[in-house]
Protein backbone atom coordinates (compact mmCIF):
# COMPACT_ATOMS: atom_id res chain seq x y z
CA MET A 1 0.00 0.00 0.00
CA GLU A 2 2.75 2.36 0.88
CA VAL A 3 4.51 1.40 -2.36
CA LEU A 4 1.45 2.32 -4.44
CA LEU A 5 1.15 5.63 -2.60
CA GLY A 6 4.78 6.40 -3.32
CA LEU A 7 4.36 5.58 -7.02
CA LEU A 8 1.30 7.84 -7.21
CA VAL A 9 3.22 10.71 -5.75
CA LEU A 10 6.05 10.17 -8.24
CA VAL A 11 3.59 10.14 -11.16
CA ILE A 12 1.99 13.37 -9.96
CA LEU A 13 5.36 15.05 -9.63
CA PHE A 14 6.41 13.91 -13.11
CA THR A 15 3.18 15.17 -14.57
CA VAL A 16 3.63 18.57 -12.96
CA VAL A 17 7.22 18.82 -14.16
CA ALA A 18 6.26 17.71 -17.65
CA LEU A 19 3.48 20.23 -17.84
CA ALA A 20 5.84 22.93 -16.63
CA ARG A 21 8.31 22.06 -19.37
CA THR A 22 5.62 21.77 -21.99
CA VAL A 23 3.79 25.07 -21.48
CA ARG A 24 6.05 28.14 -21.86
CA ILE A 25 4.91 31.76 -21.59
CA ILE A 26 6.96 34.35 -23.53
CA PRO A 27 6.59 38.02 -22.39
CA GLN A 28 5.70 40.82 -24.80
CA ALA A 29 8.60 42.25 -26.88
CA ARG A 30 10.60 39.12 -26.24
CA ALA A 31 11.55 36.18 -28.45
CA GLY A 32 12.52 32.71 -27.34
CA VAL A 33 15.04 30.68 -29.30
CA VAL A 34 14.18 26.93 -29.00
CA GLU A 35 16.80 24.19 -29.52
CA ARG A 36 16.14 20.49 -29.85
CA PHE A 37 19.06 18.35 -28.88
CA GLY A 38 21.39 21.42 -29.21
CA LYS A 39 20.13 22.44 -32.64
CA TYR A 40 17.97 25.44 -33.46
CA LYS A 41 14.36 24.37 -33.90
CA GLU A 42 12.14 27.48 -33.78
CA THR A 43 11.55 30.95 -32.33
CA LEU A 44 8.74 31.32 -29.83
CA ASN A 45 6.53 34.40 -30.13
CA PRO A 46 5.16 36.32 -27.13
CA GLY A 47 2.30 34.50 -25.38
CA LEU A 48 1.52 30.86 -24.51
CA ASN A 49 3.66 28.29 -26.29
CA ILE A 50 3.88 24.47 -26.03
CA VAL A 51 7.12 22.59 -26.52
CA VAL A 52 8.13 18.98 -26.14
CA PRO A 53 9.29 18.46 -22.59
CA PHE A 54 12.76 17.14 -22.00
CA VAL A 55 13.42 17.41 -25.78
CA ASP A 56 12.98 21.10 -26.69
CA LYS A 57 14.82 23.73 -24.68
CA ILE A 58 14.55 27.56 -24.75
CA ARG A 59 18.18 28.50 -25.20
CA TYR A 60 17.97 32.32 -25.26
CA LEU A 61 15.30 34.89 -24.45
CA ILE A 62 16.03 37.89 -26.70
CA ASP A 63 14.79 41.43 -25.89
CA LEU A 64 13.29 43.00 -29.01
CA ARG A 65 12.94 46.50 -27.59
CA GLU A 66 15.25 49.40 -28.56
CA GLN A 67 18.20 49.43 -26.22
CA VAL A 68 20.48 52.23 -25.11
CA VAL A 69 24.10 51.51 -24.34
CA SER A 70 26.48 54.22 -23.04
CA PHE A 71 30.14 53.55 -23.56
CA PRO A 72 32.82 55.04 -21.28
CA PRO A 73 35.07 57.87 -22.60
CA GLN A 74 37.67 56.73 -25.06
CA PRO A 75 40.95 58.56 -25.85
CA VAL A 76 41.10 59.61 -29.50
CA ILE A 77 43.99 61.36 -31.28
CA THR A 78 43.05 64.15 -33.69
CA GLU A 79 44.83 65.12 -36.89
CA ASP A 80 46.83 67.83 -35.08
CA ASN A 81 48.10 65.25 -32.52
CA LEU A 82 45.87 66.24 -29.63
CA VAL A 83 44.30 63.60 -27.39
CA VAL A 84 40.61 64.10 -26.65
CA SER A 85 38.24 61.92 -24.67
CA ILE A 86 34.97 61.07 -26.40
CA ASP A 87 32.08 59.14 -24.85
CA THR A 88 29.20 57.92 -27.02
CA VAL A 89 25.66 56.56 -26.69
CA ILE A 90 24.27 53.91 -29.06
CA TYR A 91 20.56 53.30 -29.69
CA PHE A 92 20.03 49.87 -31.33
CA GLN A 93 17.33 47.21 -31.69
CA VAL A 94 17.44 43.42 -32.37
CA ASN A 95 15.31 42.63 -35.39
CA ASP A 96 16.54 39.04 -35.95
CA PRO A 97 16.82 36.98 -32.74
CA VAL A 98 18.38 33.99 -34.50
CA ALA A 99 21.17 36.06 -36.09
CA ALA A 100 21.78 37.92 -32.83
CA THR A 101 22.10 34.55 -31.09
CA TYR A 102 24.17 32.55 -33.53
CA GLU A 103 26.05 35.17 -35.64
CA ILE A 104 27.76 36.98 -32.76
CA ALA A 105 28.69 35.82 -29.31
CA ASN A 106 28.14 39.17 -27.54
CA TYR A 107 26.63 41.80 -29.78
CA ILE A 108 26.82 44.57 -27.14
CA GLN A 109 30.56 44.17 -26.74
CA ALA A 110 30.93 43.93 -30.51
CA VAL A 111 29.02 47.19 -30.99
CA GLU A 112 31.22 48.87 -28.37
CA GLN A 113 34.45 47.86 -30.01
CA LEU A 114 33.18 48.73 -33.46
CA THR A 115 32.13 52.18 -32.20
CA MET A 116 35.57 52.84 -30.71
CA THR A 117 37.45 51.88 -33.86
CA THR A 118 35.11 53.80 -36.15
CA LEU A 119 35.31 56.86 -33.92
CA ARG A 120 39.12 56.82 -34.00
CA ASN A 121 39.03 56.52 -37.75
CA ILE A 122 36.66 59.46 -38.21
CA VAL A 123 38.21 61.83 -35.63
CA GLY A 124 41.73 61.00 -36.79
CA GLY A 125 41.04 62.91 -40.01
CA MET A 126 39.89 66.07 -38.21
CA ASP A 127 41.70 68.73 -36.24
CA LEU A 128 40.56 69.83 -32.78
CA GLU A 129 38.51 72.79 -33.98
CA GLU A 130 36.68 70.68 -36.54
CA THR A 131 36.15 67.88 -34.02
CA LEU A 132 34.51 70.23 -31.54
CA THR A 133 32.22 71.74 -34.17
CA SER A 134 31.37 68.64 -36.25
CA ARG A 135 29.33 66.49 -33.89
CA GLU A 136 26.58 65.93 -36.44
CA SER A 137 28.98 64.68 -39.11
CA ILE A 138 30.65 62.35 -36.59
CA ASN A 139 27.26 60.98 -35.55
CA SER A 140 26.26 60.38 -39.17
CA GLY A 141 29.54 58.61 -39.95
CA LEU A 142 29.26 56.36 -36.90
CA ARG A 143 25.65 55.44 -37.63
CA GLY A 144 26.41 54.53 -41.26
CA VAL A 145 29.38 52.30 -40.38
CA LEU A 146 27.64 50.59 -37.45
CA ASP A 147 24.42 49.98 -39.36
CA GLU A 148 26.32 48.37 -42.22
CA ALA A 149 28.47 46.20 -39.95
CA THR A 150 25.72 45.08 -37.54
CA GLY A 151 23.15 44.24 -40.25
CA LYS A 152 24.36 40.63 -40.47
CA TRP A 153 24.15 40.33 -36.69
CA GLY A 154 20.43 40.96 -36.73
CA ILE A 155 20.89 44.38 -35.11
CA ARG A 156 19.75 47.75 -36.46
CA VAL A 157 21.51 50.86 -35.14
CA ASN A 158 18.93 53.67 -34.95
CA ARG A 159 20.95 56.52 -33.51
CA VAL A 160 24.48 57.40 -32.41
CA GLU A 161 25.13 60.38 -30.13
CA ILE A 162 28.35 61.84 -28.74
CA LYS A 163 27.88 62.76 -25.12
CA GLY A 164 31.01 64.78 -24.69
CA ILE A 165 34.37 65.73 -26.19
CA ASP A 166 36.93 66.67 -23.57
CA PRO A 167 40.24 68.18 -24.76
CA PRO A 168 43.30 68.25 -22.47
CA PRO A 169 43.35 70.75 -19.57
CA SER A 170 46.06 72.86 -21.24
CA ILE A 171 43.98 73.08 -24.41
CA LYS A 172 40.95 74.02 -22.35
CA ASP A 173 42.91 76.82 -20.70
CA SER A 174 44.13 78.11 -24.07
CA MET A 175 40.64 77.94 -25.50
CA GLU A 176 39.25 79.85 -22.54
CA LYS A 177 41.90 82.53 -22.98
CA GLN A 178 41.12 82.74 -26.69
CA MET A 179 37.41 83.01 -26.01
CA ARG A 180 38.05 85.65 -23.36
CA ALA A 181 40.21 87.60 -25.81
CA ASP A 182 37.49 87.35 -28.46
CA ARG A 183 34.89 88.60 -26.01
CA ASP A 184 37.16 91.48 -24.95
CA LYS A 185 37.75 92.35 -28.60
CA ARG A 186 34.03 92.36 -29.34
CA ALA A 187 33.42 94.46 -26.22
CA LEU A 188 36.06 96.98 -27.34
CA ILE A 189 34.59 97.06 -30.85
CA LEU A 190 31.10 97.66 -29.51
CA THR A 191 32.43 100.35 -27.15
CA ALA A 192 34.28 102.05 -30.01
CA GLU A 193 31.20 101.91 -32.21
CA GLY A 194 29.12 103.39 -29.41
CA GLN A 195 31.63 106.19 -28.89
CA ARG A 196 31.72 106.85 -32.63
CA GLN A 197 27.93 107.04 -32.83
CA SER A 198 27.92 109.29 -29.77
CA ALA A 199 30.55 111.58 -31.32
CA ILE A 200 28.63 111.68 -34.61
CA LEU A 201 25.39 112.54 -32.87
CA THR A 202 27.14 115.16 -30.73
CA ALA A 203 28.74 116.73 -33.81
CA GLU A 204 25.42 116.75 -35.63
CA GLY A 205 23.77 118.39 -32.62
CA GLN A 206 26.50 121.04 -32.44
CA LYS A 207 26.17 121.59 -36.18
CA GLN A 208 22.42 122.06 -35.93
CA SER A 209 22.90 124.34 -32.93
CA ALA A 210 25.47 126.45 -34.81
CA ILE A 211 23.20 126.64 -37.85
CA LEU A 212 20.24 127.71 -35.75
CA SER A 213 22.38 130.24 -33.87
CA ALA A 214 23.69 131.68 -37.16
CA GLU A 215 20.19 131.88 -38.57
CA GLY A 216 19.00 133.56 -35.38
CA ASN A 217 21.87 136.08 -35.51
CA ARG A 218 21.19 136.77 -39.17
CA GLU A 219 17.49 137.35 -38.57
CA SER A 220 18.33 139.52 -35.54
CA GLN A 221 20.76 141.63 -37.59
CA ILE A 222 18.23 141.89 -40.41
CA LEU A 223 15.50 143.01 -38.04
CA GLN A 224 17.89 145.43 -36.32
CA ALA A 225 18.96 146.86 -39.68
CA GLN A 226 15.33 147.19 -40.74
CA GLY A 227 14.55 148.92 -37.45
CA GLU A 228 17.48 151.31 -37.87
CA ARG A 229 16.46 151.99 -41.46
CA GLU A 230 12.87 152.74 -40.47
CA SER A 231 14.13 154.89 -37.58
CA ALA A 232 16.42 156.84 -39.93
CA ILE A 233 13.57 157.23 -42.42
CA LEU A 234 11.23 158.50 -39.72
CA ARG A 235 13.96 160.79 -38.34
CA ALA A 236 14.65 162.18 -41.81
CA GLN A 237 10.93 162.65 -42.41
CA GLY A 238 10.68 164.49 -39.07
CA GLU A 239 13.64 166.70 -39.90
CA GLY A 240 12.18 167.35 -43.34
CA GLN A 241 8.85 168.34 -41.82
CA ALA A 242 10.67 170.57 -39.29
CA ILE A 243 12.62 172.25 -42.10
CA GLN A 244 9.42 172.73 -44.05
CA THR A 245 7.75 174.25 -40.99
CA VAL A 246 10.70 176.63 -40.37
CA PHE A 247 10.82 177.56 -44.00
CA GLN A 248 7.07 178.20 -43.99
CA ALA A 249 7.41 180.38 -40.91
CA ILE A 250 10.29 182.36 -42.47
CA HIS A 251 8.39 182.72 -45.72
CA ASP A 252 5.27 183.93 -43.94
CA GLY A 253 7.23 186.35 -41.70
CA GLN A 254 9.14 187.98 -44.60
CA PRO A 255 12.42 188.22 -42.59
CA ASP A 256 14.75 191.26 -42.71
CA GLN A 257 17.84 192.46 -40.83
CA SER A 258 15.82 193.06 -37.66
CA LEU A 259 15.01 189.34 -37.46
CA LEU A 260 18.65 188.48 -37.94
CA ALA A 261 19.62 190.91 -35.16
CA TYR A 262 17.06 189.25 -32.93
CA GLN A 263 18.46 185.84 -33.78
CA TYR A 264 21.93 187.18 -33.02
CA LEU A 265 20.83 188.23 -29.54
CA GLN A 266 19.31 184.76 -28.95
CA MET A 267 22.53 183.02 -29.96
CA MET A 268 24.69 185.00 -27.52
CA PRO A 269 23.64 183.02 -24.38
CA LYS A 270 24.38 179.77 -26.18
CA ILE A 271 27.88 181.03 -27.00
CA ALA A 272 28.54 181.49 -23.28
CA GLU A 273 27.40 177.97 -22.41
CA GLY A 274 29.96 175.36 -21.40
CA ASP A 275 32.50 174.91 -18.62
CA ALA A 276 35.41 175.95 -20.85
CA ASN A 277 34.03 179.44 -21.50
CA LYS A 278 35.52 181.32 -18.52
CA VAL A 279 35.67 184.76 -20.19
CA TRP A 280 32.99 186.21 -22.47
CA ILE A 281 33.85 189.40 -24.38
CA VAL A 282 30.88 191.44 -25.44
CA PRO A 283 31.61 193.15 -28.78
CA SER A 284 31.18 196.91 -29.08
CA GLU A 285 28.76 196.42 -31.92
CA ILE A 286 26.20 194.92 -29.57
CA GLY A 287 24.93 198.41 -28.71
CA ARG A 288 24.42 199.30 -32.35
CA ALA A 289 22.57 195.99 -32.83
CA LEU A 290 20.37 196.75 -29.87
CA GLU A 291 19.66 200.28 -31.22
CA GLY A 292 18.70 198.83 -34.58
CA LEU A 293 16.51 196.26 -32.81
CA GLY A 294 14.82 199.03 -30.75
CA SER A 295 14.09 201.09 -33.84
CA THR A 296 12.62 198.15 -35.58
CA MET A 297 10.37 197.35 -32.66
CA SER A 298 8.65 200.74 -33.08
CA GLN A 299 8.27 200.38 -36.82
CA LEU A 300 9.38 197.21 -38.56
CA GLN A 301 11.06 198.06 -41.83
CA GLY A 302 10.49 195.89 -44.80
CA ILE A 303 7.21 194.50 -43.56
CA PRO A 304 4.15 195.90 -45.27
CA THR A 305 1.73 197.58 -42.92
CA GLU A 306 -1.14 197.20 -45.27
CA VAL A 307 -1.94 193.95 -46.92
CA ASP A 308 -3.99 193.88 -50.04
CA GLY A 309 -6.26 190.91 -49.61
CA PRO A 310 -5.66 187.82 -47.53
CA ARG A 311 -2.12 186.53 -47.15
CA VAL A 312 -1.54 183.22 -48.91
CA ARG A 313 0.75 180.63 -47.46
CA VAL A 314 3.08 178.63 -49.59
CA ASP A 315 1.58 175.27 -50.49
CA MET A 316 4.02 172.73 -49.07
CA GLY A 317 2.29 169.79 -50.65
CA GLU A 318 2.37 166.42 -48.91
CA THR A 319 4.59 166.15 -45.81
CA GLY A 320 5.85 162.70 -46.64
CA ALA A 321 9.39 161.94 -47.77
CA PRO A 322 8.43 161.47 -51.46
CA SER A 323 7.30 165.15 -51.68
CA LEU A 324 10.88 166.31 -51.00
CA ALA A 325 12.02 164.85 -54.32
CA LYS A 326 9.49 166.78 -56.49
CA SER A 327 10.56 169.38 -59.01
CA THR A 328 11.14 173.00 -57.79
CA ALA A 329 10.96 174.70 -61.14
CA ASP A 330 7.77 176.63 -60.23
CA THR A 331 9.25 178.26 -57.12
CA ASP A 332 12.35 179.97 -58.60
CA SER A 333 10.91 183.48 -58.33
CA THR A 334 9.78 183.03 -54.71
CA LEU A 335 13.13 181.52 -53.65
CA SER A 336 15.13 184.25 -55.38
CA ARG A 337 13.16 186.93 -53.56
CA ALA A 338 13.61 185.22 -50.18
CA HIS A 339 17.34 184.69 -50.84
CA ALA A 340 17.79 188.37 -51.75
CA ASP A 341 16.16 189.49 -48.49
CA VAL A 342 18.29 187.09 -46.47
CA GLU A 343 21.51 188.22 -48.19
CA ALA A 344 20.68 191.89 -47.55
CA ALA A 345 20.12 191.16 -43.87
CA ILE A 346 23.38 189.22 -43.69
CA ALA A 347 25.33 192.09 -45.31
CA GLU A 348 23.94 194.65 -42.87
CA ALA A 349 24.69 192.36 -39.87
CA GLU A 350 28.26 191.77 -41.05
CA GLY A 351 28.85 195.50 -41.31
CA ALA A 352 27.76 195.94 -37.70
CA ALA A 353 29.99 193.14 -36.36
CA GLN A 354 33.69 194.14 -36.77
CA GLY A 355 35.30 192.32 -33.84
CA ALA A 356 36.83 188.95 -34.42
CA LYS A 357 34.79 187.15 -31.84
CA GLY A 358 31.62 189.08 -32.63
CA ARG A 359 32.13 188.31 -36.30
CA SER A 360 32.53 184.61 -35.67
CA ARG A 361 29.46 184.50 -33.45
CA LEU A 362 27.45 186.50 -35.93
CA GLU A 363 28.64 184.26 -38.74
CA SER A 364 27.40 181.22 -36.86
CA ALA A 365 24.00 182.86 -36.39
CA ILE A 366 23.97 183.99 -40.01
CA ALA A 367 24.99 180.49 -41.14
CA GLU A 368 22.16 179.00 -39.12
CA ALA A 369 19.69 181.49 -40.58
CA GLY A 370 21.10 180.89 -44.02
CA GLN A 371 20.77 177.11 -43.64
CA VAL A 372 17.19 177.55 -42.57
CA ALA A 373 16.49 179.80 -45.51
CA GLU A 374 18.31 177.51 -47.97
CA ALA A 375 16.68 174.31 -46.75
CA PRO A 376 14.96 172.24 -49.50
CA GLU A 377 11.31 173.03 -49.77
CA ALA A 378 8.45 171.32 -51.54
CA PRO A 379 7.39 173.10 -54.74
CA PRO A 380 4.06 174.89 -54.53
CA ALA A 381 1.64 175.01 -57.38
CA ALA A 382 2.13 177.86 -59.88
CA PRO A 383 0.46 180.19 -59.22
CA PRO A 384 -0.10 179.35 -55.54
CA PRO A 385 -3.72 178.47 -54.96
CA PRO A 386 -5.58 180.28 -52.19
CA PHE A 387 -5.30 178.57 -48.84
CA GLU A 388 -8.34 176.38 -48.34
CA SER A 389 -7.88 174.97 -44.85
CA GLY A 390 -8.69 177.06 -41.81
CA ASP A 391 -5.77 175.53 -39.90
CA ASN A 392 -3.17 177.09 -42.27
CA THR A 393 -4.56 180.63 -42.36
CA GLN A 394 -2.38 183.30 -40.70
C-alpha cells in the first residue's frame, strides 16, 4: 500500500514537471530561441507556447525592444596630434533573434568595439577645432558604419550620439583665454562703435545748434537793420517836416535884418554855455545891434503895414518823404526873392559886427539862418492856390 502511494506521488510530480516544461509563456517584446538536442528548432513568439518536454529547450530569451548603451570615454587622437576623450551613446534594436544569437557571441561588446574603432578613424582625419564643431557629421559617420556592420548580426543601429568631447586641460585653458580675448575684442569694438555714434550725434547736434544760432543772428541783424532803417527814415521825415515848418514860418514872416539881429541876440547866451568858456567878451557892436533892434520894434522896416487881400501861405504839398524829391521849377521866383532878403540882412549884420569874436558868433547865427532859408522846400503850385484849410490861415 505504501509502495502504491509512493508511485502515485512520483507520477503526480512527473506530470507537474512535464506540464511545466511543456507550457512556456513568452513576455511581450521578447523572443525565445528553441533548440532540440542542441540544434535550433524554432523561435517562440510572445504568449503561450507548447514545446516537447525534455526534448525542446529555450536557449535564449532575446529582448526585441530598442536598447540604449552608453560607452565610457575613449581617448582619441586628432589630426593635429591632440588627445581628446569622447564618450558615445548607441541606440540599437534586435530585429533578428536567431542572427543575434548565432552570428555573434556578444553583440553589445561587438558594438562597443566597433564604435571605438570607427570613432578613432573618423576623428583622426579632423583637427581639434573641426572635431569640436562637427558632432553631427561624426554621428552620421558612426551610424552609417555601425548599421552596415551590424546588419548581419540581426541588429539595427537607430541613432548614435556623442555625449562629450573633452580636450586636455592645457587646451581648455588656451581655448578659454582665446574666447576671453574674443569677447574682450568684441566688447572693445562695440564700445568704439558706441563712442563713434555718440561723437557723430554730438557733432550733428552742435552743427544744428550752430546753424540755428547763425540763422537767429542773421534774422536779428536783419530786423535790427530794418529797425534802424525805419528809424532813420522816420527821423529824416521828421527833420524834413521841421525844415518845411521853419521855411514856412520864415516865408510867412518875410524876414529882414531886424530878425537876424534878434536871432543874433538869442545866440549870444548859447555862446557862453559850457565849462570851458571862462571869459565872455561882449563886442562893441552889440549896442548898435540893440539900437537897430529898438528902432525896428517901433516900426518894422520891410514888412508891409497894409496887406492887399488875404495873405496866402506857400503850399508845401504832402509832408511825406516822397514830396521832397518833387521838381522845384515853379518856385524859382519866390526863392530868389527870399534869398535876396536874407543876403541883404546878412550884409547889414556883417557890417555891424567888426570884432573877431563878434564876427565869428554873428557868422554862426547867419549860417544858421542861411541854412534855414536855404533848406529844400516842396514846390508849390504855380500860381499858388488860395489857402483852403482854416488851420493854415495866418
